[in-house]
C-alpha cells in the first residue's frame, strides 16, 4: 500500500488507511511509537505501561481478604 506525505503546519503528516487502523485497533487520538530502523520508519501502536503501585492503589489487607473466598481456615494460615 502506498501513501503520500503532506504538509501539516510546520511538520509533515501521513494518512493511515482505515483498513490498517482497524487492524491495529487505532482511533483518532491514539498514541503511536515512531522509530527509525535502518532506512525505514516504523510506526507502532503505543501500549500502556502500568506501574504496580497504580494498579494496587487503594488496596488494603482487609480489601484483599474480602476479594477472595478461600473457604474456612484449616490450619495456621489465619491472619489477624
C-alpha atoms as a PDB file:
ATOM      1  CA  UNK A   1       0.000   0.000   0.000  1.00  0.00           C
ATOM      2  CA  UNK A   2       1.294   3.460  -0.815  1.00  0.00           C
ATOM      3  CA  UNK A   3       0.542   6.826   0.758  1.00  0.00           C
ATOM      4  CA  UNK A   4       1.627  10.401   0.216  1.00  0.00           C
ATOM      5  CA  UNK A   5       3.226  12.674   2.793  1.00  0.00           C
ATOM      6  CA  UNK A   6       1.564  16.094   3.112  1.00  0.00           C
ATOM      7  CA  UNK A   7       2.422  19.340   4.907  1.00  0.00           C
ATOM      8  CA  UNK A   8       0.666  19.736   8.251  1.00  0.00           C
ATOM      9  CA  UNK A   9       1.554  23.020   9.921  1.00  0.00           C
ATOM     10  CA  UNK A  10       5.348  23.085  10.267  1.00  0.00           C
ATOM     11  CA  UNK A  11       5.501  19.288  10.133  1.00  0.00           C
ATOM     12  CA  UNK A  12       4.758  16.588   7.620  1.00  0.00           C
ATOM     13  CA  UNK A  13       1.822  14.215   8.031  1.00  0.00           C
ATOM     14  CA  UNK A  14       0.897  10.794   6.763  1.00  0.00           C
ATOM     15  CA  UNK A  15      -2.649   9.496   6.489  1.00  0.00           C
ATOM     16  CA  UNK A  16      -3.011   5.906   7.623  1.00  0.00           C
ATOM     17  CA  UNK A  17      -5.662   3.984   5.662  1.00  0.00           C
ATOM     18  CA  UNK A  18      -8.752   2.797   7.558  1.00  0.00           C
ATOM     19  CA  UNK A  19      -8.010  -0.897   6.892  1.00  0.00           C
ATOM     20  CA  UNK A  20      -4.694  -0.579   8.725  1.00  0.00           C
ATOM     21  CA  UNK A  21      -6.092   1.444  11.642  1.00  0.00           C
ATOM     22  CA  UNK A  22      -8.896  -1.080  12.084  1.00  0.00           C
ATOM     23  CA  UNK A  23      -6.464  -3.988  12.021  1.00  0.00           C
ATOM     24  CA  UNK A  24      -4.262  -2.329  14.664  1.00  0.00           C
ATOM     25  CA  UNK A  25      -7.128  -1.025  16.776  1.00  0.00           C
ATOM     26  CA  UNK A  26      -6.114   2.604  16.267  1.00  0.00           C
ATOM     27  CA  UNK A  27      -8.557   5.500  16.523  1.00  0.00           C
ATOM     28  CA  UNK A  28      -8.296   9.267  16.396  1.00  0.00           C
ATOM     29  CA  UNK A  29      -6.169  10.475  19.286  1.00  0.00           C
ATOM     30  CA  UNK A  30      -4.366   7.143  19.737  1.00  0.00           C
ATOM     31  CA  UNK A  31      -0.691   7.404  20.627  1.00  0.00           C
ATOM     32  CA  UNK A  32       1.906   5.654  18.486  1.00  0.00           C
ATOM     33  CA  UNK A  33       5.626   4.987  18.776  1.00  0.00           C
ATOM     34  CA  UNK A  34       7.726   6.175  15.807  1.00  0.00           C
ATOM     35  CA  UNK A  35      11.178   4.646  15.314  1.00  0.00           C
ATOM     36  CA  UNK A  36      13.805   4.505  12.617  1.00  0.00           C
ATOM     37  CA  UNK A  37      15.146   1.070  11.708  1.00  0.00           C
ATOM     38  CA  UNK A  38      17.831   1.442   9.071  1.00  0.00           C
ATOM     39  CA  UNK A  39      16.171   3.303   6.198  1.00  0.00           C
ATOM     40  CA  UNK A  40      12.622   2.518   7.417  1.00  0.00           C
ATOM     41  CA  UNK A  41      10.198   4.460   9.552  1.00  0.00           C
ATOM     42  CA  UNK A  42       8.311   2.085  11.843  1.00  0.00           C
ATOM     43  CA  UNK A  43       5.027   3.252  13.400  1.00  0.00           C
ATOM     44  CA  UNK A  44       3.657   1.014  16.160  1.00  0.00           C
ATOM     45  CA  UNK A  45       0.669   1.356  18.487  1.00  0.00           C
ATOM     46  CA  UNK A  46       1.820   2.612  21.875  1.00  0.00           C
ATOM     47  CA  UNK A  47       0.884   0.144  24.558  1.00  0.00           C
ATOM     48  CA  UNK A  48       0.278   1.373  28.089  1.00  0.00           C
ATOM     49  CA  UNK A  49       2.930   0.727  30.713  1.00  0.00           C
ATOM     50  CA  UNK A  50       1.360   0.141  34.087  1.00  0.00           C
ATOM     51  CA  UNK A  51       3.028   0.607  37.463  1.00  0.00           C
ATOM     52  CA  UNK A  52       2.214  -1.931  40.143  1.00  0.00           C
ATOM     53  CA  UNK A  53       1.649   0.897  42.627  1.00  0.00           C
ATOM     54  CA  UNK A  54      -1.047   2.362  40.341  1.00  0.00           C
ATOM     55  CA  UNK A  55      -2.741  -0.997  39.831  1.00  0.00           C
ATOM     56  CA  UNK A  56      -2.807  -1.740  43.551  1.00  0.00           C
ATOM     57  CA  UNK A  57      -3.644   1.796  44.668  1.00  0.00           C
ATOM     58  CA  UNK A  58      -6.165   1.740  47.499  1.00  0.00           C
ATOM     59  CA  UNK A  59      -5.761  -1.975  48.188  1.00  0.00           C
ATOM     60  CA  UNK A  60      -5.532  -2.860  51.862  1.00  0.00           C
ATOM     61  CA  UNK A  61      -5.119  -6.214  53.621  1.00  0.00           C
ATOM     62  CA  UNK A  62      -8.823  -6.005  54.557  1.00  0.00           C
ATOM     63  CA  UNK A  63      -9.982  -5.387  50.987  1.00  0.00           C
ATOM     64  CA  UNK A  64      -7.754  -8.223  49.737  1.00  0.00           C
ATOM     65  CA  UNK A  65      -9.272 -10.605  52.288  1.00  0.00           C
ATOM     66  CA  UNK A  66     -12.751  -9.594  51.169  1.00  0.00           C
ATOM     67  CA  UNK A  67     -11.885 -10.021  47.470  1.00  0.00           C
ATOM     68  CA  UNK A  68     -11.294 -13.779  47.697  1.00  0.00           C
ATOM     69  CA  UNK A  69     -13.196 -16.583  49.369  1.00  0.00           C
ATOM     70  CA  UNK A  70     -10.672 -19.290  50.180  1.00  0.00           C
ATOM     71  CA  UNK A  71     -13.066 -21.150  52.463  1.00  0.00           C
ATOM     72  CA  UNK A  72     -12.613 -21.641  56.199  1.00  0.00           C
ATOM     73  CA  UNK A  73      -9.145 -21.643  57.763  1.00  0.00           C
ATOM     74  CA  UNK A  74      -7.804 -25.177  58.007  1.00  0.00           C
ATOM     75  CA  UNK A  75      -4.555 -24.662  59.886  1.00  0.00           C
ATOM     76  CA  UNK A  76      -2.114 -21.957  60.847  1.00  0.00           C
ATOM     77  CA  UNK A  77      -2.850 -19.723  57.800  1.00  0.00           C
ATOM     78  CA  UNK A  78      -5.225 -17.481  59.758  1.00  0.00           C
ATOM     79  CA  UNK A  79      -4.131 -13.835  59.555  1.00  0.00           C
ATOM     80  CA  UNK A  80      -5.342 -11.318  62.109  1.00  0.00           C
END
